[in-house]
Amino acid sequence: MDGFEAALDDLLDASKKVSEAADVVAGVRDSVKGMDLHAEPPRHFGDISGLLHRRPATAFGDSLGMSSVAYAYDQHRRRAADKLEELRQNTEATAHALGRVAELYEESDTIAQSHLTRLHKSM
C-alpha cells in the first residue's frame, strides 16, 4: 500500500524532527539555567542578617538598592527554565508517541500483509 508507506515515513520523519526540537529546547533551558544570580530575597528594614554576614555581589551589585530587581529577575528566570523543562518533556513525549504510532502502523501492515498472503494461498 503505497499511500500507507508514505504516511508511515511521514510519521517517522515527524518523530525525528520533534525529537530534535526537544534537544534544542533542552539547550535553551540549560542556557537559561546558566544565567542565574543566586539572588536572595531582598532584606527589609529592621533585618539585621546583612550585618552578620556580607552577601556576595551579583551582576546588579549588593549595595545599589537592586536586590529586589535581582531577586525578581532570578525568580522569573527560574520559572522560565521550569517552563522550558516542561516543554522539553512534552516534546520528547510527543516524539515518542509519534514513533510508537508509526510502529503500530507498521505492525498492523505486517499483520494485514500476512493475512492477505494466507488468503491468496488458500484460494
C-alpha atoms as a PDB file:
ATOM      1  CA  MET A   1       0.000   0.000   0.000  1.00  0.00           C
ATOM      2  CA  ASP A   2       1.944   2.961  -1.299  1.00  0.00           C
ATOM      3  CA  GLY A   3      -0.082   5.638   0.495  1.00  0.00           C
ATOM      4  CA  PHE A   4       0.336   3.808   3.783  1.00  0.00           C
ATOM      5  CA  GLU A   5       4.124   3.647   3.415  1.00  0.00           C
ATOM      6  CA  ALA A   6       4.295   7.374   2.679  1.00  0.00           C
ATOM      7  CA  ALA A   7       2.258   8.137   5.809  1.00  0.00           C
ATOM      8  CA  LEU A   8       4.490   5.830   7.839  1.00  0.00           C
ATOM      9  CA  ASP A   9       7.595   7.589   6.539  1.00  0.00           C
ATOM     10  CA  ASP A  10       5.990  10.942   7.377  1.00  0.00           C
ATOM     11  CA  LEU A  11       5.284   9.770  10.930  1.00  0.00           C
ATOM     12  CA  LEU A  12       8.836   8.551  11.412  1.00  0.00           C
ATOM     13  CA  ASP A  13      10.226  11.802   9.976  1.00  0.00           C
ATOM     14  CA  ALA A  14       7.949  13.869  12.211  1.00  0.00           C
ATOM     15  CA  SER A  15       9.018  11.859  15.247  1.00  0.00           C
ATOM     16  CA  LYS A  16      12.682  12.501  14.442  1.00  0.00           C
ATOM     17  CA  LYS A  17      12.148  16.235  13.903  1.00  0.00           C
ATOM     18  CA  VAL A  18      10.130  16.632  17.104  1.00  0.00           C
ATOM     19  CA  SER A  19      12.857  14.753  18.987  1.00  0.00           C
ATOM     20  CA  GLU A  20      15.444  17.153  17.549  1.00  0.00           C
ATOM     21  CA  ALA A  21      13.248  20.058  18.691  1.00  0.00           C
ATOM     22  CA  ALA A  22      13.300  18.610  22.222  1.00  0.00           C
ATOM     23  CA  ASP A  23      17.100  18.669  22.080  1.00  0.00           C
ATOM     24  CA  VAL A  24      17.018  22.337  21.041  1.00  0.00           C
ATOM     25  CA  VAL A  25      14.653  23.164  23.911  1.00  0.00           C
ATOM     26  CA  ALA A  26      16.982  21.357  26.330  1.00  0.00           C
ATOM     27  CA  GLY A  27      19.862  23.539  25.112  1.00  0.00           C
ATOM     28  CA  VAL A  28      17.825  26.711  25.610  1.00  0.00           C
ATOM     29  CA  ARG A  29      16.760  25.534  29.077  1.00  0.00           C
ATOM     30  CA  ASP A  30      20.377  24.887  30.043  1.00  0.00           C
ATOM     31  CA  SER A  31      21.343  28.314  28.744  1.00  0.00           C
ATOM     32  CA  VAL A  32      18.634  29.992  30.826  1.00  0.00           C
ATOM     33  CA  LYS A  33      19.690  27.994  33.886  1.00  0.00           C
ATOM     34  CA  GLY A  34      23.222  29.308  33.373  1.00  0.00           C
ATOM     35  CA  MET A  35      22.060  32.908  33.774  1.00  0.00           C
ATOM     36  CA  ASP A  36      21.148  32.558  37.429  1.00  0.00           C
ATOM     37  CA  LEU A  37      22.198  35.101  40.020  1.00  0.00           C
ATOM     38  CA  HIS A  38      21.546  33.072  43.160  1.00  0.00           C
ATOM     39  CA  ALA A  39      19.816  36.201  44.462  1.00  0.00           C
ATOM     40  CA  GLU A  40      18.353  36.078  47.939  1.00  0.00           C
ATOM     41  CA  PRO A  41      15.026  37.668  48.810  1.00  0.00           C
ATOM     42  CA  PRO A  42      15.515  41.380  49.447  1.00  0.00           C
ATOM     43  CA  ARG A  43      16.142  42.449  53.011  1.00  0.00           C
ATOM     44  CA  HIS A  44      13.588  44.657  54.658  1.00  0.00           C
ATOM     45  CA  PHE A  45      14.123  47.471  57.126  1.00  0.00           C
ATOM     46  CA  GLY A  46      14.952  46.011  60.512  1.00  0.00           C
ATOM     47  CA  ASP A  47      16.559  42.871  59.055  1.00  0.00           C
ATOM     48  CA  ILE A  48      19.952  42.534  60.732  1.00  0.00           C
ATOM     49  CA  SER A  49      21.050  39.400  58.851  1.00  0.00           C
ATOM     50  CA  GLY A  50      23.075  41.567  56.459  1.00  0.00           C
ATOM     51  CA  LEU A  51      25.095  42.861  59.354  1.00  0.00           C
ATOM     52  CA  LEU A  52      26.086  39.359  60.419  1.00  0.00           C
ATOM     53  CA  HIS A  53      27.430  38.250  57.050  1.00  0.00           C
ATOM     54  CA  ARG A  54      28.007  40.043  53.794  1.00  0.00           C
ATOM     55  CA  ARG A  55      26.222  38.655  50.763  1.00  0.00           C
ATOM     56  CA  PRO A  56      28.206  38.073  47.590  1.00  0.00           C
ATOM     57  CA  ALA A  57      27.836  40.721  44.912  1.00  0.00           C
ATOM     58  CA  THR A  58      25.615  39.892  41.958  1.00  0.00           C
ATOM     59  CA  ALA A  59      25.516  41.303  38.462  1.00  0.00           C
ATOM     60  CA  PHE A  60      23.294  44.019  39.911  1.00  0.00           C
ATOM     61  CA  GLY A  61      25.576  44.723  42.869  1.00  0.00           C
ATOM     62  CA  ASP A  62      24.691  44.362  46.526  1.00  0.00           C
ATOM     63  CA  SER A  63      24.722  47.974  47.616  1.00  0.00           C
ATOM     64  CA  LEU A  64      22.939  49.747  44.772  1.00  0.00           C
ATOM     65  CA  GLY A  65      19.414  49.042  46.017  1.00  0.00           C
ATOM     66  CA  MET A  66      18.977  46.457  43.299  1.00  0.00           C
ATOM     67  CA  SER A  67      18.455  43.358  45.447  1.00  0.00           C
ATOM     68  CA  SER A  68      14.707  43.367  44.733  1.00  0.00           C
ATOM     69  CA  VAL A  69      15.337  43.595  40.993  1.00  0.00           C
ATOM     70  CA  ALA A  70      17.962  40.837  41.142  1.00  0.00           C
ATOM     71  CA  TYR A  71      15.632  38.599  43.141  1.00  0.00           C
ATOM     72  CA  ALA A  72      12.699  39.248  40.790  1.00  0.00           C
ATOM     73  CA  TYR A  73      14.939  38.519  37.784  1.00  0.00           C
ATOM     74  CA  ASP A  74      16.163  35.276  39.331  1.00  0.00           C
ATOM     75  CA  GLN A  75      12.619  34.165  40.177  1.00  0.00           C
ATOM     76  CA  HIS A  76      11.463  34.917  36.624  1.00  0.00           C
ATOM     77  CA  ARG A  77      14.480  33.123  35.155  1.00  0.00           C
ATOM     78  CA  ARG A  78      13.770  30.098  37.334  1.00  0.00           C
ATOM     79  CA  ARG A  79      10.118  29.988  36.204  1.00  0.00           C
ATOM     80  CA  ALA A  80      11.192  30.307  32.555  1.00  0.00           C
ATOM     81  CA  ALA A  81      13.647  27.409  32.999  1.00  0.00           C
ATOM     82  CA  ASP A  82      10.880  25.326  34.607  1.00  0.00           C
ATOM     83  CA  LYS A  83       8.531  26.015  31.688  1.00  0.00           C
ATOM     84  CA  LEU A  84      11.271  25.154  29.202  1.00  0.00           C
ATOM     85  CA  GLU A  85      11.824  21.860  31.041  1.00  0.00           C
ATOM     86  CA  GLU A  86       8.091  21.165  30.836  1.00  0.00           C
ATOM     87  CA  LEU A  87       8.163  21.952  27.096  1.00  0.00           C
ATOM     88  CA  ARG A  88      11.156  19.622  26.634  1.00  0.00           C
ATOM     89  CA  GLN A  89       9.383  16.786  28.431  1.00  0.00           C
ATOM     90  CA  ASN A  90       6.190  17.280  26.424  1.00  0.00           C
ATOM     91  CA  THR A  91       8.142  17.476  23.169  1.00  0.00           C
ATOM     92  CA  GLU A  92      10.018  14.260  23.959  1.00  0.00           C
ATOM     93  CA  ALA A  93       6.735  12.557  24.855  1.00  0.00           C
ATOM     94  CA  THR A  94       5.219  13.707  21.560  1.00  0.00           C
ATOM     95  CA  ALA A  95       8.203  12.386  19.610  1.00  0.00           C
ATOM     96  CA  HIS A  96       7.922   9.058  21.432  1.00  0.00           C
ATOM     97  CA  ALA A  97       4.163   8.905  20.744  1.00  0.00           C
ATOM     98  CA  LEU A  98       4.673   9.595  17.039  1.00  0.00           C
ATOM     99  CA  GLY A  99       7.307   6.869  16.884  1.00  0.00           C
ATOM    100  CA  ARG A 100       5.033   4.450  18.688  1.00  0.00           C
ATOM    101  CA  VAL A 101       2.137   5.206  16.320  1.00  0.00           C
ATOM    102  CA  ALA A 102       4.473   4.513  13.392  1.00  0.00           C
ATOM    103  CA  GLU A 103       5.456   1.182  14.999  1.00  0.00           C
ATOM    104  CA  LEU A 104       1.798   0.245  15.473  1.00  0.00           C
ATOM    105  CA  TYR A 105       1.011   1.106  11.853  1.00  0.00           C
ATOM    106  CA  GLU A 106       3.971  -0.971  10.739  1.00  0.00           C
ATOM    107  CA  GLU A 107       2.872  -3.928  12.874  1.00  0.00           C
ATOM    108  CA  SER A 108      -0.685  -3.584  11.588  1.00  0.00           C
ATOM    109  CA  ASP A 109       0.536  -3.511   7.994  1.00  0.00           C
ATOM    110  CA  THR A 110       2.665  -6.632   8.577  1.00  0.00           C
ATOM    111  CA  ILE A 111      -0.308  -8.477  10.058  1.00  0.00           C
ATOM    112  CA  ALA A 112      -2.566  -7.371   7.204  1.00  0.00           C
ATOM    113  CA  GLN A 113       0.019  -8.489   4.633  1.00  0.00           C
ATOM    114  CA  SER A 114       0.345 -11.913   6.269  1.00  0.00           C
ATOM    115  CA  HIS A 115      -3.452 -12.329   6.275  1.00  0.00           C
ATOM    116  CA  LEU A 116      -3.581 -11.391   2.592  1.00  0.00           C
ATOM    117  CA  THR A 117      -0.790 -13.865   1.810  1.00  0.00           C
ATOM    118  CA  ARG A 118      -2.645 -16.675   3.612  1.00  0.00           C
ATOM    119  CA  LEU A 119      -5.875 -15.719   1.888  1.00  0.00           C
ATOM    120  CA  HIS A 120      -4.205 -15.854  -1.538  1.00  0.00           C
ATOM    121  CA  LYS A 121      -2.619 -19.210  -0.739  1.00  0.00           C
ATOM    122  CA  SER A 122      -5.949 -20.688   0.324  1.00  0.00           C
ATOM    123  CA  MET A 123      -7.637 -19.704  -2.953  1.00  0.00           C
END
